Amino acid sequence: MSYFRPRGGRPLAEKTPVQSLDEVMASLRVEFIERANDHLDELDAAIRSAEHDAAGNFPDEYEFRRNVHSLKGSGVTFGFPLVTVIAHRLEDYMHEMEASGENALEGIHVFVDRMRDNIDGQIGSGAEDAAEIARSLPIAGVADFDVVKVDMEVMLISPKDTASRIVSKELQECGFRVVNVPSPFVALEQIALTKPNLAIAIAVLDGLTGVDLACAVRAMPATHALHFALITSFEEGHHALDALPKDVPVIRKGPELPDDLAEVLYRFEMT
């Protein structure tokens, strides 16, 4: 037995073996699963309470959103990227449903159930599963349009500004599922996991530009063939567009936007 003996003192207890990184991560994963189930239990309890409330309100909406945000922030870190995707889409769903004044409880329940199914290992074991599950989630705003829905998803990487609202409305009127992701870093991760039929990014984003994102998508074997388009107010030949891959079409902001979007959909055979 090895001991550490301080100068002039008694021997110390045997040193605890240092855990490997894999052992630490395995332990943290177990802790995450326990915490995630606690979060999901709280979400389920809040939904049940809201179902018995005349106005359909949560007993503590801040706490509900905090639980969702915690799942979103830690899911991908501990090997559950689909939980992060579902939680992100739940936040967006709640925001859109709140803005429209529609009752969102039934849809919210679906998101929570899918997160629990993923953590329990019942769904989401492969990349194909993840894409299928993401596309099966409820989506806000479709009730406003009496159109035939198509089995195609468009990811819009943009803050919710005027241009993004116009694009989202045009796409929804064509029957597409539209998912809004404000962050280019989150978008890159979700593109790789959910494989949307088309990704459209605005040129000016926080952290990465839309051109950076287009280059990253083209560089990765998993996404190099993904349909991608850029929304910009930059004129053709502007230096900000110098690195834009040649096969990425540009959608101009302003009066030309609807026509340019229609041209992109036609080019990618999505109409």
C-alpha atoms as a PDB file:
ATOM      1  CA  MET A   1       0.000   0.000   0.000  1.00  0.00           C
ATOM      2  CA  SER A   2       1.381   3.405  -0.951  1.00  0.00           C
ATOM      3  CA  TYR A   3       1.150   6.357   1.399  1.00  0.00           C
ATOM      4  CA  PHE A   4       1.934  10.009   1.231  1.00  0.00           C
ATOM      5  CA  ARG A   5       3.844  11.024   4.381  1.00  0.00           C
ATOM      6  CA  PRO A   6       3.983  14.759   5.047  1.00  0.00           C
ATOM      7  CA  ARG A   7       7.287  15.989   6.414  1.00  0.00           C
ATOM      8  CA  GLY A   8       7.486  15.026  10.092  1.00  0.00           C
ATOM      9  CA  GLY A   9       3.908  13.754  10.217  1.00  0.00           C
ATOM     10  CA  ARG A  10       1.819  10.620  10.068  1.00  0.00           C
ATOM     11  CA  PRO A  11       1.035   8.852   6.772  1.00  0.00           C
ATOM     12  CA  LEU A  12      -2.026  10.084   4.896  1.00  0.00           C
ATOM     13  CA  ALA A  13      -4.772   7.801   3.642  1.00  0.00           C
ATOM     14  CA  GLU A  14      -4.206   6.077   0.337  1.00  0.00           C
ATOM     15  CA  LYS A  15      -4.863   8.383  -2.583  1.00  0.00           C
ATOM     16  CA  THR A  16      -8.212   7.886  -4.290  1.00  0.00           C
ATOM     17  CA  PRO A  17      -7.727   6.578  -7.847  1.00  0.00           C
ATOM     18  CA  VAL A  18      -8.274   9.249 -10.474  1.00  0.00           C
ATOM     19  CA  GLN A  19     -11.271   8.586 -12.721  1.00  0.00           C
ATOM     20  CA  SER A  20     -10.753   8.551 -16.462  1.00  0.00           C
ATOM     21  CA  LEU A  21     -12.563  11.083 -18.619  1.00  0.00           C
ATOM     22  CA  ASP A  22     -14.864   8.340 -19.920  1.00  0.00           C
ATOM     23  CA  GLU A  23     -15.802   7.354 -16.370  1.00  0.00           C
ATOM     24  CA  VAL A  24     -16.491  10.976 -15.438  1.00  0.00           C
ATOM     25  CA  MET A  25     -18.670  11.507 -18.513  1.00  0.00           C
ATOM     26  CA  ALA A  26     -20.561   8.249 -17.857  1.00  0.00           C
ATOM     27  CA  SER A  27     -21.256   9.387 -14.303  1.00  0.00           C
ATOM     28  CA  LEU A  28     -22.398  12.821 -15.478  1.00  0.00           C
ATOM     29  CA  ARG A  29     -24.644  11.200 -18.088  1.00  0.00           C
ATOM     30  CA  VAL A  30     -26.382   9.180 -15.378  1.00  0.00           C
ATOM     31  CA  GLU A  31     -26.824  12.341 -13.327  1.00  0.00           C
ATOM     32  CA  PHE A  32     -28.224  14.137 -16.378  1.00  0.00           C
ATOM     33  CA  ILE A  33     -30.793  11.386 -16.992  1.00  0.00           C
ATOM     34  CA  GLU A  34     -31.938  11.646 -13.373  1.00  0.00           C
ATOM     35  CA  ARG A  35     -32.198  15.441 -13.549  1.00  0.00           C
ATOM     36  CA  ALA A  36     -33.888  15.305 -16.960  1.00  0.00           C
ATOM     37  CA  ASN A  37     -36.556  12.952 -15.644  1.00  0.00           C
ATOM     38  CA  ASP A  38     -37.115  15.328 -12.734  1.00  0.00           C
ATOM     39  CA  HIS A  39     -37.528  18.228 -15.187  1.00  0.00           C
ATOM     40  CA  LEU A  40     -39.944  16.184 -17.300  1.00  0.00           C
ATOM     41  CA  ASP A  41     -41.960  15.177 -14.243  1.00  0.00           C
ATOM     42  CA  GLU A  42     -42.317  18.852 -13.348  1.00  0.00           C
ATOM     43  CA  LEU A  43     -43.366  19.691 -16.912  1.00  0.00           C
ATOM     44  CA  ASP A  44     -45.980  16.924 -16.882  1.00  0.00           C
ATOM     45  CA  ALA A  45     -47.338  18.134 -13.528  1.00  0.00           C
ATOM     46  CA  ALA A  46     -47.557  21.702 -14.842  1.00  0.00           C
ATOM     47  CA  ILE A  47     -49.424  20.545 -17.950  1.00  0.00           C
ATOM     48  CA  ARG A  48     -51.916  18.586 -15.833  1.00  0.00           C
ATOM     49  CA  SER A  49     -52.508  21.660 -13.669  1.00  0.00           C
ATOM     50  CA  ALA A  50     -53.006  23.857 -16.735  1.00  0.00           C
ATOM     51  CA  GLU A  51     -55.504  21.366 -18.177  1.00  0.00           C
ATOM     52  CA  HIS A  52     -57.655  21.896 -15.077  1.00  0.00           C
ATOM     53  CA  ASP A  53     -57.305  25.671 -15.195  1.00  0.00           C
ATOM     54  CA  ALA A  54     -60.181  27.494 -16.872  1.00  0.00           C
ATOM     55  CA  ALA A  55     -57.771  29.705 -18.832  1.00  0.00           C
ATOM     56  CA  GLY A  56     -55.262  26.916 -19.497  1.00  0.00           C
ATOM     57  CA  ASN A  57     -52.480  28.731 -17.636  1.00  0.00           C
ATOM     58  CA  PHE A  58     -49.493  27.058 -16.023  1.00  0.00           C
ATOM     59  CA  PRO A  59     -49.221  27.455 -12.225  1.00  0.00           C
ATOM     60  CA  ASP A  60     -45.743  28.957 -12.782  1.00  0.00           C
ATOM     61  CA  GLU A  61     -44.899  29.658 -16.418  1.00  0.00           C
ATOM     62  CA  TYR A  62     -41.415  30.941 -15.568  1.00  0.00           C
ATOM     63  CA  GLU A  63     -40.598  27.625 -13.875  1.00  0.00           C
ATOM     64  CA  PHE A  64     -42.004  25.704 -16.842  1.00  0.00           C
ATOM     65  CA  ARG A  65     -39.815  27.616 -19.279  1.00  0.00           C
ATOM     66  CA  ARG A  66     -36.805  27.230 -16.972  1.00  0.00           C
ATOM     67  CA  ASN A  67     -37.186  23.445 -17.036  1.00  0.00           C
ATOM     68  CA  VAL A  68     -37.429  23.437 -20.832  1.00  0.00           C
ATOM     69  CA  HIS A  69     -34.378  25.690 -21.109  1.00  0.00           C
ATOM     70  CA  SER A  70     -32.361  23.416 -18.787  1.00  0.00           C
ATOM     71  CA  LEU A  71     -33.148  20.404 -20.975  1.00  0.00           C
ATOM     72  CA  LYS A  72     -32.206  22.342 -24.088  1.00  0.00           C
ATOM     73  CA  GLY A  73     -28.894  23.490 -22.661  1.00  0.00           C
ATOM     74  CA  SER A  74     -27.665  20.159 -21.327  1.00  0.00           C
ATOM     75  CA  GLY A  75     -29.114  17.548 -23.683  1.00  0.00           C
ATOM     76  CA  VAL A  76     -26.454  17.685 -26.372  1.00  0.00           C
ATOM     77  CA  THR A  77     -23.638  17.839 -23.810  1.00  0.00           C
ATOM     78  CA  PHE A  78     -24.531  14.457 -22.371  1.00  0.00           C
ATOM     79  CA  GLY A  79     -25.301  12.560 -25.537  1.00  0.00           C
ATOM     80  CA  PHE A  80     -28.933  13.525 -26.120  1.00  0.00           C
ATOM     81  CA  PRO A  81     -28.829  16.007 -29.031  1.00  0.00           C
ATOM     82  CA  LEU A  82     -32.417  15.159 -29.951  1.00  0.00           C
ATOM     83  CA  VAL A  83     -33.578  16.376 -26.526  1.00  0.00           C
ATOM     84  CA  THR A  84     -31.890  19.701 -27.292  1.00  0.00           C
ATOM     85  CA  VAL A  85     -33.604  19.887 -30.693  1.00  0.00           C
ATOM     86  CA  ILE A  86     -37.036  19.063 -29.247  1.00  0.00           C
ATOM     87  CA  ALA A  87     -36.650  21.521 -26.354  1.00  0.00           C
ATOM     88  CA  HIS A  88     -35.539  24.257 -28.760  1.00  0.00           C
ATOM     89  CA  ARG A  89     -38.572  23.627 -30.956  1.00  0.00           C
ATOM     90  CA  LEU A  90     -40.833  23.580 -27.918  1.00  0.00           C
ATOM     91  CA  GLU A  91     -39.612  27.055 -26.922  1.00  0.00           C
ATOM     92  CA  ASP A  92     -40.308  28.320 -30.448  1.00  0.00           C
ATOM     93  CA  TYR A  93     -43.703  26.586 -30.502  1.00  0.00           C
ATOM     94  CA  MET A  94     -44.730  28.187 -27.204  1.00  0.00           C
ATOM     95  CA  HIS A  95     -43.613  31.617 -28.389  1.00  0.00           C
ATOM     96  CA  GLU A  96     -45.593  31.363 -31.630  1.00  0.00           C
ATOM     97  CA  MET A  97     -48.701  29.921 -29.994  1.00  0.00           C
ATOM     98  CA  GLU A  98     -48.620  32.615 -27.327  1.00  0.00           C
ATOM     99  CA  ALA A  99     -48.434  35.293 -30.016  1.00  0.00           C
ATOM    100  CA  SER A 100     -51.441  33.824 -31.828  1.00  0.00           C
ATOM    101  CA  GLY A 101     -53.468  33.257 -28.660  1.00  0.00           C
ATOM    102  CA  GLU A 102     -54.075  29.599 -29.533  1.00  0.00           C
ATOM    103  CA  ASN A 103     -54.335  26.846 -26.929  1.00  0.00           C
ATOM    104  CA  ALA A 104     -50.982  25.070 -27.022  1.00  0.00           C
ATOM    105  CA  LEU A 105     -51.351  22.464 -24.253  1.00  0.00           C
ATOM    106  CA  GLU A 106     -52.024  19.464 -26.471  1.00  0.00           C
ATOM    107  CA  GLY A 107     -49.028  20.248 -28.654  1.00  0.00           C
ATOM    108  CA  ILE A 108     -46.763  20.955 -25.674  1.00  0.00           C
ATOM    109  CA  HIS A 109     -47.617  17.534 -24.273  1.00  0.00           C
ATOM    110  CA  VAL A 110     -46.293  15.925 -27.485  1.00  0.00           C
ATOM    111  CA  PHE A 111     -42.928  17.688 -27.129  1.00  0.00           C
ATOM    112  CA  VAL A 112     -42.557  16.584 -23.510  1.00  0.00           C
ATOM    113  CA  ASP A 113     -43.502  12.987 -24.349  1.00  0.00           C
ATOM    114  CA  ARG A 114     -40.959  12.832 -27.183  1.00  0.00           C
ATOM    115  CA  MET A 115     -38.182  14.107 -24.908  1.00  0.00           C
ATOM    116  CA  ARG A 116     -39.017  11.450 -22.345  1.00  0.00           C
ATOM    117  CA  ASP A 117     -39.125   8.755 -25.042  1.00  0.00           C
ATOM    118  CA  ASN A 118     -35.663   9.798 -26.224  1.00  0.00           C
ATOM    119  CA  ILE A 119     -34.163   9.796 -22.733  1.00  0.00           C
ATOM    120  CA  ASP A 120     -35.732   6.385 -22.064  1.00  0.00           C
ATOM    121  CA  GLY A 121     -34.102   5.074 -25.236  1.00  0.00           C
ATOM    122  CA  GLN A 122     -37.367   4.320 -27.020  1.00  0.00           C
ATOM    123  CA  ILE A 123     -36.764   6.694 -29.941  1.00  0.00           C
ATOM    124  CA  GLY A 124     -33.934   8.571 -31.616  1.00  0.00           C
ATOM    125  CA  SER A 125     -31.270   5.887 -31.796  1.00  0.00           C
ATOM    126  CA  GLY A 126     -30.181   6.857 -35.319  1.00  0.00           C
ATOM    127  CA  ALA A 127     -29.822   9.971 -37.462  1.00  0.00           C
ATOM    128  CA  GLU A 128     -32.763   8.922 -39.652  1.00  0.00           C
ATOM    129  CA  ASP A 129     -34.918   8.521 -36.526  1.00  0.00           C
ATOM    130  CA  ALA A 130     -33.938  11.989 -35.302  1.00  0.00           C
ATOM    131  CA  ALA A 131     -34.955  13.651 -38.567  1.00  0.00           C
ATOM    132  CA  GLU A 132     -38.272  11.785 -38.664  1.00  0.00           C
ATOM    133  CA  ILE A 133     -39.073  12.601 -35.037  1.00  0.00           C
ATOM    134  CA  ALA A 134     -38.229  16.286 -35.473  1.00  0.00           C
ATOM    135  CA  ARG A 135     -40.562  16.530 -38.459  1.00  0.00           C
ATOM    136  CA  SER A 136     -43.396  14.850 -36.587  1.00  0.00           C
ATOM    137  CA  LEU A 137     -43.488  17.517 -33.866  1.00  0.00           C
ATOM    138  CA  PRO A 138     -46.362  20.021 -33.768  1.00  0.00           C
ATOM    139  CA  ILE A 139     -45.661  23.305 -35.451  1.00  0.00           C
ATOM    140  CA  ALA A 140     -47.282  26.664 -34.762  1.00  0.00           C
ATOM    141  CA  GLY A 141     -48.971  28.908 -37.288  1.00  0.00           C
ATOM    142  CA  VAL A 142     -50.183  26.271 -39.745  1.00  0.00           C
ATOM    143  CA  ALA A 143     -53.816  26.722 -38.677  1.00  0.00           C
ATOM    144  CA  ASP A 144     -53.772  30.148 -40.307  1.00  0.00           C
ATOM    145  CA  PHE A 145     -53.334  28.656 -43.798  1.00  0.00           C
ATOM    146  CA  ASP A 146     -55.878  26.473 -45.578  1.00  0.00           C
ATOM    147  CA  VAL A 147     -53.320  24.673 -47.756  1.00  0.00           C
ATOM    148  CA  VAL A 148     -52.255  21.136 -48.508  1.00  0.00           C
ATOM    149  CA  LYS A 149     -49.322  20.299 -46.262  1.00  0.00           C
ATOM    150  CA  VAL A 150     -46.228  18.784 -47.890  1.00  0.00           C
ATOM    151  CA  ASP A 151     -43.723  16.525 -46.189  1.00  0.00           C
ATOM    152  CA  MET A 152     -40.868  19.017 -46.486  1.00  0.00           C
ATOM    153  CA  GLU A 153     -39.166  21.094 -43.837  1.00  0.00           C
ATOM    154  CA  VAL A 154     -37.453  24.437 -44.296  1.00  0.00           C
ATOM    155  CA  MET A 155     -35.084  25.773 -41.652  1.00  0.00           C
ATOM    156  CA  LEU A 156     -34.956  29.556 -41.514  1.00  0.00           C
ATOM    157  CA  ILE A 157     -31.801  30.809 -39.818  1.00  0.00           C
ATOM    158  CA  SER A 158     -32.653  34.356 -38.872  1.00  0.00           C
ATOM    159  CA  PRO A 159     -33.760  36.635 -36.062  1.00  0.00           C
ATOM    160  CA  LYS A 160     -37.496  37.189 -36.266  1.00  0.00           C
ATOM    161  CA  ASP A 161     -37.357  40.338 -38.363  1.00  0.00           C
ATOM    162  CA  THR A 162     -39.584  41.517 -41.190  1.00  0.00           C
ATOM    163  CA  ALA A 163     -37.783  39.525 -43.874  1.00  0.00           C
ATOM    164  CA  SER A 164     -37.975  36.281 -41.905  1.00  0.00           C
ATOM    165  CA  ARG A 165     -41.689  36.786 -41.239  1.00  0.00           C
ATOM    166  CA  ILE A 166     -42.350  37.312 -44.945  1.00  0.00           C
ATOM    167  CA  VAL A 167     -40.348  34.215 -45.897  1.00  0.00           C
ATOM    168  CA  SER A 168     -41.986  32.125 -43.181  1.00  0.00           C
ATOM    169  CA  LYS A 169     -45.482  33.190 -44.302  1.00  0.00           C
ATOM    170  CA  GLU A 170     -44.718  32.500 -47.969  1.00  0.00           C
ATOM    171  CA  LEU A 171     -43.366  29.032 -47.145  1.00  0.00           C
ATOM    172  CA  GLN A 172     -46.269  28.145 -44.850  1.00  0.00           C
ATOM    173  CA  GLU A 173     -48.715  29.198 -47.554  1.00  0.00           C
ATOM    174  CA  CYS A 174     -46.974  26.660 -49.810  1.00  0.00           C
ATOM    175  CA  GLY A 175     -47.541  23.953 -47.189  1.00  0.00           C
ATOM    176  CA  PHE A 176     -43.972  23.648 -45.865  1.00  0.00           C
ATOM    177  CA  ARG A 177     -43.050  23.084 -42.242  1.00  0.00           C
ATOM    178  CA  VAL A 178     -40.970  26.087 -41.189  1.00  0.00           C
ATOM    179  CA  VAL A 179     -38.536  25.966 -38.280  1.00  0.00           C
ATOM    180  CA  ASN A 180     -36.927  29.203 -37.132  1.00  0.00           C
ATOM    181  CA  VAL A 181     -33.444  29.069 -35.580  1.00  0.00           C
ATOM    182  CA  PRO A 182     -31.869  32.445 -34.669  1.00  0.00           C
ATOM    183  CA  SER A 183     -28.343  31.168 -33.893  1.00  0.00           C
ATOM    184  CA  PRO A 184     -26.034  29.981 -36.715  1.00  0.00           C
ATOM    185  CA  PHE A 185     -24.180  27.689 -34.279  1.00  0.00           C
ATOM    186  CA  VAL A 186     -27.392  25.984 -33.173  1.00  0.00           C
ATOM    187  CA  ALA A 187     -28.542  25.859 -36.798  1.00  0.00           C
ATOM    188  CA  LEU A 188     -25.387  24.062 -37.931  1.00  0.00           C
ATOM    189  CA  GLU A 189     -25.847  21.427 -35.250  1.00  0.00           C
ATOM    190  CA  GLN A 190     -29.540  20.970 -36.054  1.00  0.00           C
ATOM    191  CA  ILE A 191     -28.972  20.872 -39.809  1.00  0.00           C
ATOM    192  CA  ALA A 192     -26.572  17.959 -39.346  1.00  0.00           C
ATOM    193  CA  LEU A 193     -29.062  16.116 -37.137  1.00  0.00           C
ATOM    194  CA  THR A 194     -32.455  16.814 -38.742  1.00  0.00           C
ATOM    195  CA  LYS A 195     -31.513  17.265 -42.436  1.00  0.00           C
ATOM    196  CA  PRO A 196     -34.104  19.856 -43.523  1.00  0.00           C
ATOM    197  CA  ASN A 197     -35.093  19.863 -47.192  1.00  0.00           C
ATOM    198  CA  LEU A 198     -33.894  23.453 -47.421  1.00  0.00           C
ATOM    199  CA  ALA A 199     -31.979  25.834 -45.151  1.00  0.00           C
ATOM    200  CA  ILE A 200     -32.276  29.580 -45.698  1.00  0.00           C
ATOM    201  CA  ALA A 201     -29.994  31.941 -43.776  1.00  0.00           C
ATOM    202  CA  ILE A 202     -29.851  35.701 -43.702  1.00  0.00           C
ATOM    203  CA  ALA A 203     -26.433  37.143 -44.453  1.00  0.00           C
ATOM    204  CA  VAL A 204     -25.957  39.026 -41.174  1.00  0.00           C
ATOM    205  CA  LEU A 205     -26.033  36.815 -38.086  1.00  0.00           C
ATOM    206  CA  ASP A 206     -24.394  36.888 -34.663  1.00  0.00           C
ATOM    207  CA  GLY A 207     -21.093  34.999 -34.453  1.00  0.00           C
ATOM    208  CA  LEU A 208     -21.098  33.566 -37.971  1.00  0.00           C
ATOM    209  CA  THR A 209     -22.400  35.159 -41.141  1.00  0.00           C
ATOM    210  CA  GLY A 210     -24.825  33.425 -43.448  1.00  0.00           C
ATOM    211  CA  VAL A 211     -21.918  33.019 -45.888  1.00  0.00           C
ATOM    212  CA  ASP A 212     -19.835  31.336 -43.159  1.00  0.00           C
ATOM    213  CA  LEU A 213     -22.724  28.980 -42.482  1.00  0.00           C
ATOM    214  CA  ALA A 214     -23.123  28.168 -46.167  1.00  0.00           C
ATOM    215  CA  CYS A 215     -19.408  27.363 -46.410  1.00  0.00           C
ATOM    216  CA  ALA A 216     -19.568  25.142 -43.309  1.00  0.00           C
ATOM    217  CA  VAL A 217     -22.583  23.232 -44.655  1.00  0.00           C
ATOM    218  CA  ARG A 218     -20.831  22.670 -47.981  1.00  0.00           C
ATOM    219  CA  ALA A 219     -17.622  21.544 -46.270  1.00  0.00           C
ATOM    220  CA  MET A 220     -19.171  18.760 -44.171  1.00  0.00           C
ATOM    221  CA  PRO A 221     -19.713  15.387 -45.893  1.00  0.00           C
ATOM    222  CA  ALA A 222     -22.937  14.908 -43.907  1.00  0.00           C
ATOM    223  CA  THR A 223     -24.502  18.103 -45.283  1.00  0.00           C
ATOM    224  CA  HIS A 224     -22.613  19.045 -48.454  1.00  0.00           C
ATOM    225  CA  ALA A 225     -25.582  18.208 -50.700  1.00  0.00           C
ATOM    226  CA  LEU A 226     -28.157  20.044 -48.567  1.00  0.00           C
ATOM    227  CA  HIS A 227     -30.183  22.721 -50.353  1.00  0.00           C
ATOM    228  CA  PHE A 228     -29.116  26.121 -49.026  1.00  0.00           C
ATOM    229  CA  ALA A 229     -30.016  29.717 -49.899  1.00  0.00           C
ATOM    230  CA  LEU A 230     -28.969  33.137 -48.590  1.00  0.00           C
ATOM    231  CA  ILE A 231     -31.154  36.184 -47.910  1.00  0.00           C
ATOM    232  CA  THR A 232     -29.287  39.454 -48.245  1.00  0.00           C
ATOM    233  CA  SER A 233     -29.554  43.128 -49.085  1.00  0.00           C
ATOM    234  CA  PHE A 234     -25.974  43.142 -50.416  1.00  0.00           C
ATOM    235  CA  GLU A 235     -25.727  43.858 -54.126  1.00  0.00           C
ATOM    236  CA  GLU A 236     -24.229  41.275 -56.476  1.00  0.00           C
ATOM    237  CA  GLY A 237     -20.436  41.611 -56.416  1.00  0.00           C
ATOM    238  CA  HIS A 238     -20.297  42.929 -52.845  1.00  0.00           C
ATOM    239  CA  HIS A 239     -17.154  41.712 -51.068  1.00  0.00           C
ATOM    240  CA  ALA A 240     -19.250  40.195 -48.265  1.00  0.00           C
ATOM    241  CA  LEU A 241     -20.463  37.610 -50.785  1.00  0.00           C
ATOM    242  CA  ASP A 242     -17.043  36.737 -52.217  1.00  0.00           C
ATOM    243  CA  ALA A 243     -16.783  33.402 -50.367  1.00  0.00           C
ATOM    244  CA  LEU A 244     -20.371  32.328 -50.983  1.00  0.00           C
ATOM    245  CA  PRO A 245     -20.381  28.888 -52.669  1.00  0.00           C
ATOM    246  CA  LYS A 246     -21.354  29.257 -56.328  1.00  0.00           C
ATOM    247  CA  ASP A 247     -24.266  26.837 -56.023  1.00  0.00           C
ATOM    248  CA  VAL A 248     -25.959  28.811 -53.211  1.00  0.00           C
ATOM    249  CA  PRO A 249     -28.694  31.053 -54.641  1.00  0.00           C
ATOM    250  CA  VAL A 250     -29.341  34.531 -53.286  1.00  0.00           C
ATOM    251  CA  ILE A 251     -32.754  35.826 -52.213  1.00  0.00           C
ATOM    252  CA  ARG A 252     -32.831  39.609 -52.292  1.00  0.00           C
ATOM    253  CA  LYS A 253     -34.524  41.563 -49.519  1.00  0.00           C
ATOM    254  CA  GLY A 254     -37.190  43.986 -50.660  1.00  0.00           C
ATOM    255  CA  PRO A 255     -39.833  43.742 -53.396  1.00  0.00           C
ATOM    256  CA  GLU A 256     -37.971  40.938 -55.195  1.00  0.00           C
ATOM    257  CA  LEU A 257     -38.034  38.621 -52.160  1.00  0.00           C
ATOM    258  CA  PRO A 258     -41.219  36.617 -52.999  1.00  0.00           C
ATOM    259  CA  ASP A 259     -40.135  36.087 -56.617  1.00  0.00           C
ATOM    260  CA  ASP A 260     -36.595  35.116 -55.621  1.00  0.00           C
ATOM    261  CA  LEU A 261     -37.942  32.667 -53.045  1.00  0.00           C
ATOM    262  CA  ALA A 262     -40.231  31.109 -55.638  1.00  0.00           C
ATOM    263  CA  GLU A 263     -37.259  30.740 -57.981  1.00  0.00           C
ATOM    264  CA  VAL A 264     -35.257  28.985 -55.252  1.00  0.00           C
ATOM    265  CA  LEU A 265     -38.094  26.529 -54.584  1.00  0.00           C
ATOM    266  CA  TYR A 266     -38.390  25.826 -58.314  1.00  0.00           C
ATOM    267  CA  ARG A 267     -34.637  25.382 -58.678  1.00  0.00           C
ATOM    268  CA  PHE A 268     -34.556  22.808 -55.895  1.00  0.00           C
ATOM    269  CA  GLU A 269     -37.673  21.051 -57.242  1.00  0.00           C
ATOM    270  CA  MET A 270     -39.706  21.793 -54.131  1.00  0.00           C
ATOM    271  CA  THR A 271     -42.806  23.063 -55.921  1.00  0.00           C
END
